[in-house]
């Protein structure tokens, strides 16, 4: 209950964005390969940001 109003950390926000981009890439993989590749690239960039946060 006390975690109800807890703000998300930057890492949690990035992890959610990463998961969202991968879901979109997977959905697009059957209809538009170019857009799917773009979403995958964006997800990789988000993962790089997460890795940088882990190193700090």
PDB file of N, CA and C in Angstrom:
ATOM      1  N   UNK A   1       0.810  -1.175   0.000  1.00  0.00           N
ATOM      2  CA  UNK A   1       0.000   0.000   0.000  1.00  0.00           C
ATOM      3  C   UNK A   1       0.867   1.257   0.000  1.00  0.00           C
ATOM      4  N   UNK A   2       1.986   1.227   0.704  1.00  0.00           N
ATOM      5  CA  UNK A   2       2.813   2.417   0.757  1.00  0.00           C
ATOM      6  C   UNK A   2       3.554   2.645  -0.554  1.00  0.00           C
ATOM      7  N   UNK A   3       3.687   1.630  -1.372  1.00  0.00           N
ATOM      8  CA  UNK A   3       4.325   1.771  -2.671  1.00  0.00           C
ATOM      9  C   UNK A   3       3.378   2.301  -3.732  1.00  0.00           C
ATOM     10  N   UNK A   4       2.145   2.551  -3.357  1.00  0.00           N
ATOM     11  CA  UNK A   4       1.129   2.984  -4.305  1.00  0.00           C
ATOM     12  C   UNK A   4       1.484   4.311  -4.969  1.00  0.00           C
ATOM     13  N   UNK A   5       2.055   5.239  -4.209  1.00  0.00           N
ATOM     14  CA  UNK A   5       2.365   6.558  -4.751  1.00  0.00           C
ATOM     15  C   UNK A   5       3.852   6.748  -4.999  1.00  0.00           C
ATOM     16  N   UNK A   6       4.587   5.662  -4.967  1.00  0.00           N
ATOM     17  CA  UNK A   6       6.025   5.720  -5.184  1.00  0.00           C
ATOM     18  C   UNK A   6       6.314   6.076  -6.637  1.00  0.00           C
ATOM     19  N   UNK A   7       7.212   7.025  -6.831  1.00  0.00           N
ATOM     20  CA  UNK A   7       7.588   7.394  -8.199  1.00  0.00           C
ATOM     21  C   UNK A   7       8.532   6.345  -8.761  1.00  0.00           C
ATOM     22  N   UNK A   8       8.446   6.143 -10.059  1.00  0.00           N
ATOM     23  CA  UNK A   8       9.323   5.190 -10.721  1.00  0.00           C
ATOM     24  C   UNK A   8      10.701   5.804 -10.913  1.00  0.00           C
ATOM     25  N   UNK A   9      11.692   4.961 -10.781  1.00  0.00           N
ATOM     26  CA  UNK A   9      13.048   5.430 -11.011  1.00  0.00           C
ATOM     27  C   UNK A   9      13.296   5.533 -12.512  1.00  0.00           C
ATOM     28  N   UNK A  10      14.374   6.197 -12.869  1.00  0.00           N
ATOM     29  CA  UNK A  10      14.737   6.336 -14.284  1.00  0.00           C
ATOM     30  C   UNK A  10      14.945   4.959 -14.914  1.00  0.00           C
ATOM     31  N   UNK A  11      15.559   4.060 -14.156  1.00  0.00           N
ATOM     32  CA  UNK A  11      15.814   2.709 -14.671  1.00  0.00           C
ATOM     33  C   UNK A  11      14.504   1.974 -14.946  1.00  0.00           C
ATOM     34  N   UNK A  12      13.534   2.086 -14.045  1.00  0.00           N
ATOM     35  CA  UNK A  12      12.241   1.427 -14.237  1.00  0.00           C
ATOM     36  C   UNK A  12      11.516   1.982 -15.462  1.00  0.00           C
ATOM     37  N   UNK A  13      11.595   3.289 -15.652  1.00  0.00           N
ATOM     38  CA  UNK A  13      10.965   3.903 -16.825  1.00  0.00           C
ATOM     39  C   UNK A  13      11.610   3.396 -18.109  1.00  0.00           C
ATOM     40  N   UNK A  14      12.943   3.309 -18.112  1.00  0.00           N
ATOM     41  CA  UNK A  14      13.648   2.832 -19.302  1.00  0.00           C
ATOM     42  C   UNK A  14      13.339   1.363 -19.577  1.00  0.00           C
ATOM     43  N   UNK A  15      13.219   0.561 -18.521  1.00  0.00           N
ATOM     44  CA  UNK A  15      12.899  -0.852 -18.711  1.00  0.00           C
ATOM     45  C   UNK A  15      11.514  -1.026 -19.306  1.00  0.00           C
ATOM     46  N   UNK A  16      10.570  -0.204 -18.881  1.00  0.00           N
ATOM     47  CA  UNK A  16       9.228  -0.268 -19.458  1.00  0.00           C
ATOM     48  C   UNK A  16       9.237   0.155 -20.921  1.00  0.00           C
ATOM     49  N   UNK A  17       9.993   1.201 -21.226  1.00  0.00           N
ATOM     50  CA  UNK A  17      10.093   1.661 -22.615  1.00  0.00           C
ATOM     51  C   UNK A  17      10.739   0.586 -23.492  1.00  0.00           C
ATOM     52  N   UNK A  18      11.768  -0.074 -22.964  1.00  0.00           N
ATOM     53  CA  UNK A  18      12.454  -1.150 -23.685  1.00  0.00           C
ATOM     54  C   UNK A  18      11.474  -2.283 -24.005  1.00  0.00           C
ATOM     55  N   UNK A  19      10.722  -2.708 -23.007  1.00  0.00           N
ATOM     56  CA  UNK A  19       9.761  -3.796 -23.208  1.00  0.00           C
ATOM     57  C   UNK A  19       8.694  -3.392 -24.230  1.00  0.00           C
ATOM     58  N   UNK A  20       8.232  -2.150 -24.150  1.00  0.00           N
ATOM     59  CA  UNK A  20       7.211  -1.660 -25.083  1.00  0.00           C
ATOM     60  C   UNK A  20       7.735  -1.675 -26.514  1.00  0.00           C
ATOM     61  N   UNK A  21       8.969  -1.206 -26.699  1.00  0.00           N
ATOM     62  CA  UNK A  21       9.552  -1.176 -28.044  1.00  0.00           C
ATOM     63  C   UNK A  21       9.733  -2.587 -28.605  1.00  0.00           C
ATOM     64  N   UNK A  22      10.129  -3.518 -27.768  1.00  0.00           N
ATOM     65  CA  UNK A  22      10.279  -4.897 -28.240  1.00  0.00           C
ATOM     66  C   UNK A  22       8.931  -5.511 -28.617  1.00  0.00           C
ATOM     67  N   UNK A  23       7.884  -5.198 -27.845  1.00  0.00           N
ATOM     68  CA  UNK A  23       6.544  -5.698 -28.198  1.00  0.00           C
ATOM     69  C   UNK A  23       6.107  -5.133 -29.553  1.00  0.00           C
ATOM     70  N   UNK A  24       6.354  -3.833 -29.755  1.00  0.00           N
ATOM     71  CA  UNK A  24       5.981  -3.210 -31.027  1.00  0.00           C
ATOM     72  C   UNK A  24       6.781  -3.817 -32.177  1.00  0.00           C
ATOM     73  N   UNK A  25       8.065  -4.053 -31.960  1.00  0.00           N
ATOM     74  CA  UNK A  25       8.907  -4.641 -32.999  1.00  0.00           C
ATOM     75  C   UNK A  25       8.404  -6.029 -33.365  1.00  0.00           C
ATOM     76  N   UNK A  26       8.019  -6.798 -32.361  1.00  0.00           N
ATOM     77  CA  UNK A  26       7.514  -8.144 -32.619  1.00  0.00           C
ATOM     78  C   UNK A  26       6.201  -8.100 -33.407  1.00  0.00           C
ATOM     79  N   UNK A  27       5.331  -7.183 -33.051  1.00  0.00           N
ATOM     80  CA  UNK A  27       4.044  -7.066 -33.750  1.00  0.00           C
ATOM     81  C   UNK A  27       4.254  -6.636 -35.201  1.00  0.00           C
ATOM     82  N   UNK A  28       5.222  -5.769 -35.433  1.00  0.00           N
ATOM     83  CA  UNK A  28       5.479  -5.280 -36.791  1.00  0.00           C
ATOM     84  C   UNK A  28       6.261  -6.279 -37.641  1.00  0.00           C
ATOM     85  N   UNK A  29       6.873  -7.251 -37.012  1.00  0.00           N
ATOM     86  CA  UNK A  29       7.760  -8.161 -37.745  1.00  0.00           C
ATOM     87  C   UNK A  29       7.045  -8.936 -38.849  1.00  0.00           C
ATOM     88  N   UNK A  30       5.758  -9.116 -38.717  1.00  0.00           N
ATOM     89  CA  UNK A  30       5.037  -9.865 -39.746  1.00  0.00           C
ATOM     90  C   UNK A  30       4.498  -8.978 -40.865  1.00  0.00           C
ATOM     91  N   UNK A  31       4.380  -7.667 -40.595  1.00  0.00           N
ATOM     92  CA  UNK A  31       3.768  -6.808 -41.603  1.00  0.00           C
ATOM     93  C   UNK A  31       4.741  -5.804 -42.230  1.00  0.00           C
ATOM     94  N   UNK A  32       5.673  -5.292 -41.442  1.00  0.00           N
ATOM     95  CA  UNK A  32       6.562  -4.265 -41.970  1.00  0.00           C
ATOM     96  C   UNK A  32       7.949  -4.448 -41.358  1.00  0.00           C
ATOM     97  N   UNK A  33       8.795  -5.123 -42.066  1.00  0.00           N
ATOM     98  CA  UNK A  33      10.112  -5.470 -41.540  1.00  0.00           C
ATOM     99  C   UNK A  33      10.971  -4.232 -41.264  1.00  0.00           C
ATOM    100  N   UNK A  34      10.859  -3.221 -42.084  1.00  0.00           N
ATOM    101  CA  UNK A  34      11.676  -2.014 -41.903  1.00  0.00           C
ATOM    102  C   UNK A  34      11.326  -1.318 -40.587  1.00  0.00           C
ATOM    103  N   UNK A  35      10.033  -1.161 -40.310  1.00  0.00           N
ATOM    104  CA  UNK A  35       9.618  -0.554 -39.050  1.00  0.00           C
ATOM    105  C   UNK A  35       9.992  -1.430 -37.859  1.00  0.00           C
ATOM    106  N   UNK A  36       9.901  -2.733 -38.033  1.00  0.00           N
ATOM    107  CA  UNK A  36      10.295  -3.654 -36.976  1.00  0.00           C
ATOM    108  C   UNK A  36      11.771  -3.493 -36.634  1.00  0.00           C
ATOM    109  N   UNK A  37      12.601  -3.388 -37.663  1.00  0.00           N
ATOM    110  CA  UNK A  37      14.035  -3.180 -37.447  1.00  0.00           C
ATOM    111  C   UNK A  37      14.298  -1.852 -36.747  1.00  0.00           C
ATOM    112  N   UNK A  38      13.533  -0.822 -37.092  1.00  0.00           N
ATOM    113  CA  UNK A  38      13.689   0.489 -36.456  1.00  0.00           C
ATOM    114  C   UNK A  38      13.347   0.412 -34.966  1.00  0.00           C
ATOM    115  N   UNK A  39      12.265  -0.267 -34.631  1.00  0.00           N
ATOM    116  CA  UNK A  39      11.863  -0.415 -33.227  1.00  0.00           C
ATOM    117  C   UNK A  39      12.907  -1.215 -32.450  1.00  0.00           C
ATOM    118  N   UNK A  40      13.466  -2.230 -33.082  1.00  0.00           N
ATOM    119  CA  UNK A  40      14.501  -3.026 -32.436  1.00  0.00           C
ATOM    120  C   UNK A  40      15.730  -2.177 -32.167  1.00  0.00           C
ATOM    121  N   UNK A  41      16.091  -1.340 -33.117  1.00  0.00           N
ATOM    122  CA  UNK A  41      17.229  -0.440 -32.943  1.00  0.00           C
ATOM    123  C   UNK A  41      16.976   0.522 -31.778  1.00  0.00           C
ATOM    124  N   UNK A  42      15.764   1.082 -31.732  1.00  0.00           N
ATOM    125  CA  UNK A  42      15.420   1.998 -30.643  1.00  0.00           C
ATOM    126  C   UNK A  42      15.491   1.284 -29.294  1.00  0.00           C
ATOM    127  N   UNK A  43      15.040   0.039 -29.245  1.00  0.00           N
ATOM    128  CA  UNK A  43      15.101  -0.743 -28.009  1.00  0.00           C
ATOM    129  C   UNK A  43      16.552  -0.972 -27.588  1.00  0.00           C
ATOM    130  N   UNK A  44      17.421  -1.223 -28.547  1.00  0.00           N
ATOM    131  CA  UNK A  44      18.843  -1.414 -28.231  1.00  0.00           C
ATOM    132  C   UNK A  44      19.452  -0.138 -27.661  1.00  0.00           C
ATOM    133  N   UNK A  45      19.030   1.018 -28.175  1.00  0.00           N
ATOM    134  CA  UNK A  45      19.534   2.292 -27.663  1.00  0.00           C
ATOM    135  C   UNK A  45      19.073   2.509 -26.212  1.00  0.00           C
ATOM    136  N   UNK A  46      17.842   2.125 -25.924  1.00  0.00           N
ATOM    137  CA  UNK A  46      17.330   2.240 -24.561  1.00  0.00           C
ATOM    138  C   UNK A  46      18.113   1.303 -23.639  1.00  0.00           C
ATOM    139  N   UNK A  47      18.436   0.110 -24.133  1.00  0.00           N
ATOM    140  CA  UNK A  47      19.196  -0.834 -23.315  1.00  0.00           C
ATOM    141  C   UNK A  47      20.586  -0.275 -23.005  1.00  0.00           C
ATOM    142  N   UNK A  48      21.172   0.429 -23.940  1.00  0.00           N
ATOM    143  CA  UNK A  48      22.475   1.061 -23.694  1.00  0.00           C
ATOM    144  C   UNK A  48      22.368   2.078 -22.556  1.00  0.00           C
ATOM    145  N   UNK A  49      21.266   2.835 -22.513  1.00  0.00           N
ATOM    146  CA  UNK A  49      21.050   3.793 -21.435  1.00  0.00           C
ATOM    147  C   UNK A  49      20.897   3.077 -20.092  1.00  0.00           C
ATOM    148  N   UNK A  50      20.204   1.939 -20.105  1.00  0.00           N
ATOM    149  CA  UNK A  50      20.025   1.158 -18.878  1.00  0.00           C
ATOM    150  C   UNK A  50      21.380   0.648 -18.391  1.00  0.00           C
ATOM    151  N   UNK A  51      22.197   0.171 -19.319  1.00  0.00           N
ATOM    152  CA  UNK A  51      23.527  -0.312 -18.954  1.00  0.00           C
ATOM    153  C   UNK A  51      24.372   0.798 -18.349  1.00  0.00           C
ATOM    154  N   UNK A  52      24.271   2.004 -18.897  1.00  0.00           N
ATOM    155  CA  UNK A  52      25.012   3.137 -18.338  1.00  0.00           C
ATOM    156  C   UNK A  52      24.560   3.453 -16.915  1.00  0.00           C
ATOM    157  N   UNK A  53      23.260   3.335 -16.658  1.00  0.00           N
ATOM    158  CA  UNK A  53      22.761   3.569 -15.306  1.00  0.00           C
ATOM    159  C   UNK A  53      23.271   2.506 -14.334  1.00  0.00           C
ATOM    160  N   UNK A  54      23.402   1.274 -14.830  1.00  0.00           N
ATOM    161  CA  UNK A  54      23.901   0.191 -13.984  1.00  0.00           C
ATOM    162  C   UNK A  54      25.356   0.388 -13.613  1.00  0.00           C
ATOM    163  N   UNK A  55      26.128   0.999 -14.501  1.00  0.00           N
ATOM    164  CA  UNK A  55      27.539   1.215 -14.243  1.00  0.00           C
ATOM    165  C   UNK A  55      27.778   2.336 -13.245  1.00  0.00           C
ATOM    166  N   UNK A  56      26.851   3.271 -13.160  1.00  0.00           N
ATOM    167  CA  UNK A  56      27.038   4.413 -12.255  1.00  0.00           C
ATOM    168  C   UNK A  56      26.768   4.039 -10.817  1.00  0.00           C
TER     169      UNK A  56
END
